[in-house]
Protein backbone atom coordinates (compact mmCIF):
# COMPACT_ATOMS: atom_id res chain seq x y z
CA MET A 1 2.33 32.63 17.64
CA ILE A 2 0.29 29.95 19.15
CA LYS A 3 1.83 28.31 22.26
CA LYS A 4 1.94 24.09 21.92
CA LYS A 5 -0.23 21.42 24.05
CA THR A 6 2.13 19.09 23.19
CA ALA A 7 6.23 17.93 22.30
CA ASP A 8 7.75 20.22 20.31
CA LEU A 9 6.58 19.21 16.57
CA ALA A 10 8.31 20.36 13.37
CA ILE A 11 6.28 22.57 11.96
CA PHE A 12 6.86 24.42 15.28
CA GLY A 13 10.69 24.26 14.36
CA GLY A 14 11.13 21.51 16.84
CA GLU A 15 11.60 17.41 16.44
CA PRO A 16 9.35 15.76 14.08
CA LEU A 17 6.17 14.21 15.80
CA PHE A 18 7.17 11.09 14.58
CA ASN A 19 10.73 10.07 14.32
CA ASP A 20 10.21 6.73 11.63
CA SER A 21 8.55 7.87 8.84
CA LEU A 22 4.92 6.61 8.17
CA HIS A 23 4.51 5.67 4.75
CA VAL A 24 1.58 5.36 2.33
CA GLY A 25 1.52 1.70 1.24
CA LYS A 26 4.19 0.52 3.56
CA PRO A 27 4.93 -3.29 2.73
CA ASN A 28 2.64 -5.37 3.97
CA ILE A 29 5.39 -8.71 4.80
CA GLY A 30 3.23 -11.73 5.66
CA ASN A 31 5.06 -14.89 7.23
CA GLN A 32 8.40 -14.39 6.78
CA GLU A 33 9.10 -17.92 8.25
CA ARG A 34 7.56 -19.58 5.60
CA LEU A 35 8.57 -17.41 2.96
CA MET A 36 12.13 -18.20 3.56
CA GLU A 37 11.68 -21.93 3.41
CA ARG A 38 10.04 -21.17 0.42
CA ILE A 39 13.16 -19.40 -1.12
CA GLN A 40 15.19 -21.91 0.31
CA ASP A 41 12.93 -24.77 -1.57
CA ILE A 42 13.44 -22.49 -4.28
CA LEU A 43 17.40 -21.51 -4.72
CA ASN A 44 17.85 -25.72 -4.51
CA ARG A 45 15.58 -26.07 -7.02
CA ARG A 46 17.79 -23.70 -9.11
CA TRP A 47 14.03 -23.30 -10.80
CA LEU A 48 14.03 -19.39 -10.68
CA THR A 49 11.72 -18.50 -13.77
CA ASN A 50 9.89 -19.98 -16.49
CA ASN A 51 6.33 -20.51 -14.97
CA GLY A 52 7.80 -23.02 -12.17
CA ARG A 53 6.10 -24.62 -9.19
CA TYR A 54 5.71 -21.52 -7.06
CA VAL A 55 4.28 -19.72 -10.64
CA ARG A 56 1.63 -22.64 -11.20
CA GLU A 57 0.67 -22.33 -7.13
CA PHE A 58 -0.08 -18.62 -7.04
CA GLU A 59 -2.09 -18.96 -10.27
CA GLU A 60 -4.36 -21.71 -8.94
CA ARG A 61 -4.49 -19.88 -5.05
CA ILE A 62 -5.57 -16.72 -7.38
CA ALA A 63 -7.86 -18.24 -9.24
CA ASP A 64 -9.46 -20.16 -6.20
CA PHE A 65 -10.03 -17.11 -3.98
CA LEU A 66 -11.59 -15.10 -6.81
CA GLY A 67 -13.95 -17.26 -8.46
CA VAL A 68 -12.59 -17.85 -11.82
CA LYS A 69 -11.60 -19.99 -14.24
CA ASN A 70 -8.14 -18.07 -15.10
CA CYS A 71 -5.17 -16.48 -13.44
CA VAL A 72 -2.15 -15.10 -15.83
CA ALA A 73 0.28 -14.35 -13.27
CA MET A 74 2.57 -11.57 -14.51
CA CYS A 75 6.04 -9.51 -14.03
CA ASN A 76 3.69 -7.08 -12.68
CA GLY A 77 0.14 -4.51 -13.30
CA THR A 78 1.49 -2.86 -15.87
CA VAL A 79 2.58 -5.49 -18.10
CA ALA A 80 -0.71 -6.88 -16.98
CA LEU A 81 -3.06 -4.36 -18.52
CA GLU A 82 -0.31 -3.59 -21.73
CA ILE A 83 -0.89 -7.73 -23.06
CA ALA A 84 -4.88 -7.66 -21.44
CA ALA A 85 -5.49 -5.06 -23.86
CA ARG A 86 -2.96 -6.39 -26.75
CA ALA A 87 -5.06 -9.58 -26.40
CA LEU A 88 -8.43 -8.27 -26.25
CA GLY A 89 -7.34 -6.82 -29.61
CA LEU A 90 -8.21 -2.70 -28.74
CA THR A 91 -6.95 -0.56 -31.64
CA GLY A 92 -8.08 3.12 -31.65
CA GLU A 93 -9.78 4.95 -28.92
CA VAL A 94 -10.44 3.47 -25.39
CA ILE A 95 -12.75 5.45 -22.47
CA ALA A 96 -10.79 5.57 -19.40
CA PRO A 97 -10.37 7.80 -16.78
CA SER A 98 -7.96 10.43 -16.16
CA PHE A 99 -8.29 10.07 -12.18
CA THR A 100 -6.43 7.04 -11.69
CA PHE A 101 -2.50 5.72 -12.16
CA ILE A 102 -0.49 6.63 -14.68
CA ALA A 103 0.21 2.92 -15.86
CA THR A 104 -3.85 2.72 -16.94
CA ALA A 105 -3.23 5.65 -19.71
CA HIS A 106 0.27 4.56 -20.60
CA SER A 107 -0.48 1.01 -20.99
CA LEU A 108 -2.88 1.96 -23.68
CA GLN A 109 -0.23 4.75 -25.42
CA TRP A 110 2.52 2.58 -25.10
CA GLN A 111 0.71 0.50 -27.93
CA GLY A 112 -0.45 3.45 -29.78
CA ILE A 113 -3.36 3.22 -28.12
CA THR A 114 -5.54 6.31 -28.23
CA PRO A 115 -6.90 6.93 -23.82
CA VAL A 116 -9.95 8.60 -24.09
CA PHE A 117 -10.18 10.24 -20.69
CA CYS A 118 -13.62 10.70 -18.98
CA ASP A 119 -14.95 12.56 -16.14
CA ILE A 120 -15.25 10.77 -13.13
CA ASP A 121 -18.66 10.58 -10.32
CA PRO A 122 -17.99 12.72 -7.61
CA LYS A 123 -19.04 10.13 -5.26
CA THR A 124 -17.64 7.37 -6.20
CA HIS A 125 -14.62 8.85 -7.76
CA ASN A 126 -14.98 5.97 -10.60
CA ILE A 127 -15.39 6.52 -14.24
CA ASP A 128 -18.83 7.99 -14.75
CA PRO A 129 -20.67 6.00 -17.24
CA ASP A 130 -23.52 8.25 -18.17
CA ARG A 131 -20.72 10.18 -19.26
CA ILE A 132 -19.08 7.71 -21.90
CA GLU A 133 -21.58 7.71 -24.94
CA ARG A 134 -20.78 11.11 -26.09
CA LEU A 135 -16.94 10.14 -26.07
CA ILE A 136 -17.47 6.47 -28.17
CA THR A 137 -16.63 7.55 -31.72
CA PRO A 138 -16.04 4.64 -35.04
CA ARG A 139 -12.73 4.51 -33.14
CA THR A 140 -13.36 3.28 -29.73
CA SER A 141 -12.91 -0.22 -29.11
CA GLY A 142 -13.43 -0.23 -25.56
CA ILE A 143 -13.43 0.82 -21.94
CA ILE A 144 -11.07 0.91 -18.52
CA GLY A 145 -13.13 0.67 -15.76
CA VAL A 146 -11.12 1.46 -12.70
CA HIS A 147 -11.80 0.18 -9.60
CA LEU A 148 -10.27 3.26 -7.34
CA TRP A 149 -9.66 2.85 -3.46
CA GLY A 150 -11.11 -0.88 -4.19
CA ARG A 151 -14.85 0.69 -4.43
CA PRO A 152 -15.81 -0.97 -7.61
CA CYS A 153 -17.71 0.64 -10.77
CA ARG A 154 -21.02 0.70 -11.98
CA ILE A 155 -20.50 -2.50 -13.58
CA ASP A 156 -23.44 -3.16 -14.90
CA ALA A 157 -23.94 0.03 -16.07
CA LEU A 158 -20.48 0.38 -17.85
CA GLN A 159 -21.47 -4.03 -19.00
CA SER A 160 -24.50 -2.65 -20.72
CA LEU A 161 -23.27 0.30 -22.71
CA ALA A 162 -19.92 -2.36 -23.90
CA GLU A 163 -22.16 -4.95 -25.00
CA GLU A 164 -25.03 -2.29 -26.43
CA ARG A 165 -22.15 -0.50 -28.82
CA GLY A 166 -19.70 -3.57 -29.12
CA LEU A 167 -17.50 -2.89 -27.23
CA LYS A 168 -14.22 -4.67 -25.09
CA LEU A 169 -14.36 -4.22 -21.35
CA LEU A 170 -11.68 -4.22 -19.26
CA PHE A 171 -11.11 -3.35 -15.54
CA ASP A 172 -8.21 -2.15 -13.42
CA ALA A 173 -8.67 -3.99 -10.11
CA SER A 174 -5.11 -2.75 -9.30
CA HIS A 175 -6.80 -1.49 -5.71
CA ALA A 176 -9.57 -4.18 -5.36
CA PHE A 177 -7.96 -7.47 -4.89
CA GLY A 178 -10.48 -9.24 -2.51
CA SER A 179 -13.17 -6.91 -2.57
CA SER A 180 -16.48 -8.10 -3.73
CA TYR A 181 -19.67 -6.43 -5.78
CA GLN A 182 -23.18 -7.65 -5.22
CA GLY A 183 -21.71 -10.40 -3.31
CA ARG A 184 -19.78 -11.21 -6.35
CA ARG A 185 -15.49 -11.19 -5.50
CA ILE A 186 -14.16 -8.96 -8.23
CA GLY A 187 -12.18 -10.87 -10.86
CA SER A 188 -15.08 -12.64 -12.69
CA PHE A 189 -16.47 -8.97 -14.18
CA GLY A 190 -16.47 -7.62 -18.06
CA HIS A 191 -13.69 -9.48 -20.65
CA ALA A 192 -11.20 -9.85 -18.17
CA GLU A 193 -9.56 -7.63 -14.68
CA THR A 194 -5.93 -6.86 -13.97
CA PHE A 195 -4.18 -6.50 -10.51
CA SER A 196 -0.84 -5.24 -9.51
CA PHE A 197 0.42 -6.95 -6.47
CA HIS A 198 3.04 -4.12 -6.35
CA ALA A 199 4.81 -4.06 -2.91
CA THR A 200 2.81 -0.75 -2.07
CA LYS A 201 -0.14 -2.90 -2.74
CA PHE A 202 -1.51 -4.79 0.81
CA LEU A 203 -1.05 -8.39 -1.19
CA ASN A 204 2.35 -8.13 -2.31
CA SER A 205 4.77 -10.37 -4.53
CA PHE A 206 7.62 -7.94 -4.43
CA GLU A 207 6.21 -6.79 -8.36
CA GLY A 208 3.84 -8.36 -9.52
CA GLY A 209 0.36 -8.65 -11.68
CA ALA A 210 -1.75 -10.90 -12.79
CA VAL A 211 -5.27 -10.84 -15.57
CA VAL A 212 -7.97 -12.67 -14.65
CA THR A 213 -10.33 -14.22 -16.80
CA ASN A 214 -13.60 -16.93 -17.35
CA ASP A 215 -12.05 -16.88 -21.28
CA ASP A 216 -10.10 -19.95 -21.68
CA GLN A 217 -9.54 -18.78 -25.14
CA LEU A 218 -8.33 -15.64 -24.01
CA ALA A 219 -5.81 -16.71 -20.80
CA LYS A 220 -4.40 -19.38 -23.95
CA LYS A 221 -3.68 -16.27 -25.84
CA MET A 222 -2.37 -14.29 -23.12
CA ARG A 223 -0.27 -17.21 -21.57
CA LEU A 224 1.62 -17.15 -24.60
CA MET A 225 2.00 -13.42 -25.02
CA LYS A 226 3.65 -13.35 -22.12
CA ASN A 227 6.14 -16.00 -22.77
CA PHE A 228 7.13 -14.29 -26.52
CA GLY A 229 4.66 -16.37 -27.89
CA PHE A 230 6.25 -19.93 -27.38
CA GLY A 231 3.58 -22.99 -27.67
CA GLY A 232 6.64 -25.07 -27.20
CA VAL A 233 10.61 -25.46 -27.12
CA ASP A 234 11.84 -23.70 -30.11
CA ASP A 235 7.62 -22.79 -31.55
CA VAL A 236 7.23 -19.71 -31.32
CA ILE A 237 3.15 -19.40 -32.43
CA TYR A 238 2.23 -15.88 -31.80
CA ILE A 239 3.65 -12.24 -30.91
CA GLY A 240 4.80 -11.56 -27.57
CA THR A 241 7.32 -10.02 -24.68
CA ASN A 242 8.58 -11.15 -21.60
CA GLY A 243 6.09 -10.74 -19.65
CA LYS A 244 6.55 -13.59 -16.59
CA MET A 245 6.57 -13.26 -13.10
CA SER A 246 9.61 -14.98 -11.18
CA GLU A 247 9.39 -17.77 -8.97
CA ILE A 248 10.35 -15.74 -6.21
CA SER A 249 7.73 -13.28 -6.18
CA ALA A 250 5.23 -15.73 -6.83
CA ALA A 251 6.47 -17.13 -3.53
CA MET A 252 6.04 -14.13 -1.50
CA GLY A 253 2.70 -13.53 -2.93
CA ILE A 254 1.68 -17.31 -1.54
CA ALA A 255 2.80 -15.78 1.62
CA SER A 256 0.33 -12.59 1.41
CA LEU A 257 -2.55 -14.36 0.28
CA GLU A 258 -1.92 -16.98 3.44
CA TYR A 259 -1.97 -13.82 5.37
CA ILE A 260 -4.56 -11.81 3.50
CA ASP A 261 -6.93 -12.08 6.57
CA ALA A 262 -5.09 -10.39 8.85
CA ILE A 263 -3.63 -7.62 6.61
CA ILE A 264 -7.88 -7.20 5.55
CA SER A 265 -8.85 -6.74 9.47
CA GLN A 266 -5.68 -4.52 10.34
CA ASN A 267 -6.82 -2.41 7.55
CA GLN A 268 -10.17 -1.81 8.65
CA ALA A 269 -9.54 -1.56 12.49
CA ASN A 270 -7.25 1.47 10.88
CA TYR A 271 -10.04 2.36 9.19
CA LYS A 272 -12.35 2.86 12.04
CA THR A 273 -9.59 4.39 14.39
CA TYR A 274 -8.98 7.04 11.98
CA GLN A 275 -12.82 7.48 11.31
CA ARG A 276 -13.25 7.97 15.26
CA GLU A 277 -10.44 10.51 15.40
CA LEU A 278 -11.80 12.39 12.13
CA ARG A 279 -15.11 12.69 13.38
CA GLY A 280 -16.47 16.30 14.11
CA LEU A 281 -13.45 18.10 11.65
CA ASP A 282 -15.73 20.21 9.49
CA GLY A 283 -14.45 20.40 6.12
CA VAL A 284 -12.52 16.28 6.10
CA GLU A 285 -14.64 14.27 5.05
CA GLN A 286 -13.11 10.25 5.24
CA ILE A 287 -14.26 8.55 1.87
CA ALA A 288 -16.66 5.57 3.06
CA TYR A 289 -16.70 1.30 2.27
CA ASN A 290 -20.51 -0.41 1.98
CA GLU A 291 -19.41 -3.22 4.81
CA ASN A 292 -22.57 -4.86 3.00
CA GLU A 293 -19.94 -5.56 0.24
CA LYS A 294 -15.91 -7.58 1.12
CA ASN A 295 -13.75 -4.51 0.92
CA ASN A 296 -9.78 -4.57 1.65
CA PHE A 297 -9.75 -1.47 3.12
CA GLN A 298 -6.34 -0.27 1.94
CA TYR A 299 -6.83 3.05 1.63
CA ILE A 300 -7.59 5.78 3.88
CA VAL A 301 -9.03 8.19 1.47
CA LEU A 302 -9.63 11.95 2.57
CA GLU A 303 -11.58 14.77 1.00
CA ILE A 304 -10.58 18.38 2.06
CA ASP A 305 -13.07 21.21 1.66
CA ALA A 306 -10.66 24.34 2.18
CA LYS A 307 -13.70 26.83 2.70
CA LYS A 308 -14.63 24.98 5.84
CA THR A 309 -10.84 24.00 7.06
CA GLY A 310 -9.31 27.20 6.45
CA VAL A 311 -6.04 24.70 5.29
CA THR A 312 -5.39 23.67 2.00
CA ARG A 313 -5.29 19.96 0.99
CA ASP A 314 -1.31 20.80 0.21
CA ALA A 315 -0.76 22.74 3.20
CA LEU A 316 -1.85 19.73 5.23
CA VAL A 317 0.52 17.99 3.27
CA ASP A 318 3.74 19.54 4.04
CA LEU A 319 2.69 20.22 8.02
CA LEU A 320 2.02 16.05 7.98
CA HIS A 321 5.95 15.50 6.04
CA ALA A 322 7.18 17.46 8.07
CA GLU A 323 5.83 15.56 11.37
CA ASN A 324 7.30 12.14 8.71
CA ILE A 325 3.49 11.48 7.97
CA ARG A 326 3.96 11.00 4.48
CA ALA A 327 0.48 11.62 3.27
CA ARG A 328 -0.17 11.42 -0.53
CA ARG A 329 -1.87 13.04 -3.09
CA TYR A 330 -3.75 10.44 -5.08
CA PHE A 331 -3.93 11.17 -7.73
CA TYR A 332 -3.00 14.58 -8.58
CA PRO A 333 -2.49 16.35 -11.12
CA GLY A 334 -4.19 13.64 -13.04
CA CYS A 335 -3.50 11.47 -16.28
CA HIS A 336 -4.71 14.69 -18.32
CA ARG A 337 -2.32 16.67 -16.79
CA MET A 338 0.59 14.47 -17.15
CA GLU A 339 3.17 14.23 -20.10
CA PRO A 340 2.27 13.38 -22.21
CA TYR A 341 -1.12 13.98 -22.91
CA ARG A 342 -0.81 17.01 -21.51
CA SER A 343 0.64 18.52 -24.66
CA TYR A 344 -1.71 15.86 -27.08
CA TYR A 345 -4.65 16.89 -25.61
CA PRO A 346 -4.28 20.81 -23.77
CA ASN A 347 -7.61 21.62 -23.47
CA ALA A 348 -9.13 18.20 -22.30
CA GLY A 349 -9.57 19.75 -18.80
CA LEU A 350 -12.45 21.17 -19.94
CA LEU A 351 -14.46 18.19 -20.47
CA LEU A 352 -12.77 16.62 -16.88
CA SER A 353 -14.50 19.15 -14.29
CA GLU A 354 -14.94 17.07 -11.39
CA THR A 355 -11.43 15.06 -11.72
CA GLU A 356 -10.00 18.57 -11.02
CA LYS A 357 -12.10 19.08 -8.20
CA LEU A 358 -10.92 16.25 -6.97
CA THR A 359 -7.49 16.27 -7.71
CA ASP A 360 -7.10 19.12 -5.22
CA ARG A 361 -8.83 17.63 -2.72
CA VAL A 362 -8.09 14.09 -1.97
CA LEU A 363 -5.51 13.15 0.95
CA CYS A 364 -4.22 9.77 1.55
CA LEU A 365 -3.21 8.39 5.25
CA PRO A 366 -1.11 6.12 6.25
CA THR A 367 -2.57 2.43 6.58
CA GLY A 368 -1.36 -1.68 6.63
CA THR A 369 0.08 -3.58 9.87
CA THR A 370 2.65 -1.06 10.41
CA ILE A 371 0.62 1.32 11.87
CA SER A 372 -0.31 1.41 15.47
CA GLU A 373 -3.93 2.19 16.92
CA GLU A 374 -1.23 5.13 18.68
CA ASP A 375 -0.17 6.75 15.95
CA ILE A 376 -3.75 7.19 14.22
CA GLU A 377 -4.77 8.85 16.97
CA LYS A 378 -1.53 11.02 17.08
CA ILE A 379 -2.70 11.90 13.78
CA GLY A 380 -6.23 13.25 14.43
CA ARG A 381 -4.96 14.58 17.24
CA LEU A 382 -2.86 17.15 14.82
CA PHE A 383 -5.29 17.19 12.50
CA HIS A 384 -7.62 18.89 14.61
CA PHE A 385 -5.17 20.67 16.07
CA VAL A 386 -4.48 22.33 12.73
CA ILE A 387 -7.71 22.83 11.99
CA LYS A 388 -8.71 24.24 15.47
CA ASN A 389 -6.54 26.94 14.92
CA SER A 390 -6.88 27.58 11.13
CA ASP A 391 -7.67 31.24 11.68
CA LYS A 392 -4.57 32.30 14.12
CA ILE A 393 -2.37 30.31 11.99
CA ARG A 394 -0.21 31.39 8.92
CA ILE A 395 2.08 28.46 6.88
CA ASN A 396 4.37 29.23 5.16
CA SER A 397 5.86 27.05 1.72
CA ALA A 398 8.27 25.64 4.85
CA SER A 399 5.58 24.22 6.76
CA THR A 400 6.00 26.07 9.59
CA ILE A 401 3.03 27.29 11.54
CA HIS A 402 3.40 31.08 13.07
């Protein structure tokens, strides 16, 4: 048995390192006083939804912040993807990464569009444009690029390929609000880009999303589609659904937007603290952000090389959970290994070698405004202890070190 150098830990059968859980994606809350003032105003006005004052203000602020002509707010990021795909006329097959949140694939499959999974660049974790050409068929209508971790895709390469092959280009920018590509904020690339403002995103509206575009006609079509196709009172002129954002969600979104600089500053400080505390750990690589660009630093992402650490990624997850550190295995096991895709395409993994490697390596750690420098230092010490002693310990399924 290895002697403990600090207080008893759950991994030794003692108390967890943290009394309260530290979560990946724990909600950031902006100025609560200003939020409550807006909520009270909403209640007084009794205008709770249907393109009210705060939704319009939120859309205007988002468009201005991103430098785009149109922002169409939605009830969530998944519906934003679905409406954008339908408005763009995507049909048949659309090429997208498997290493992403399942909503990217579901938003297509839900509409009878086949997601064709493309492998990733192992250095960026984003879709690899060099692998797309071989996947294009006569049924291909578009490409979806995902700006994973807020780090932009190779946008120029994707744009060139889409133009050359006559394909629509849509970006899932759910991770990338506030980030930039070649000095230009994410949001104005491709035919459209979608955002998620879910509670776990660093800028949230409780639940919410948006599509942004410089195409006025596309924006007009999406505004119809998110409101059942109503062009006026009792006048339905287009097929649609209910994709509207509520006023209270917009109020939260505005409060978050007003607080965005402070959130990003805290995220960046956390990122640098993790870099310091995890430095020197062989087999633990923290993904880096290009600090010549704007970043939201929303995710702390590690790649774990078990051959060097002596501890697998999954064992580390169990250990961290035992200490109330709710780390996550993003995006395990990959969309192609989830239903219905694993049944539809059981051999998809043969073309996704880099994706399959990465799903066994990635580990995301808590960050945001609810975590302190001292918390990160404790997490760092735990990593150093476990990896330093990996040759002397055995970790069982109950996350106990012997």
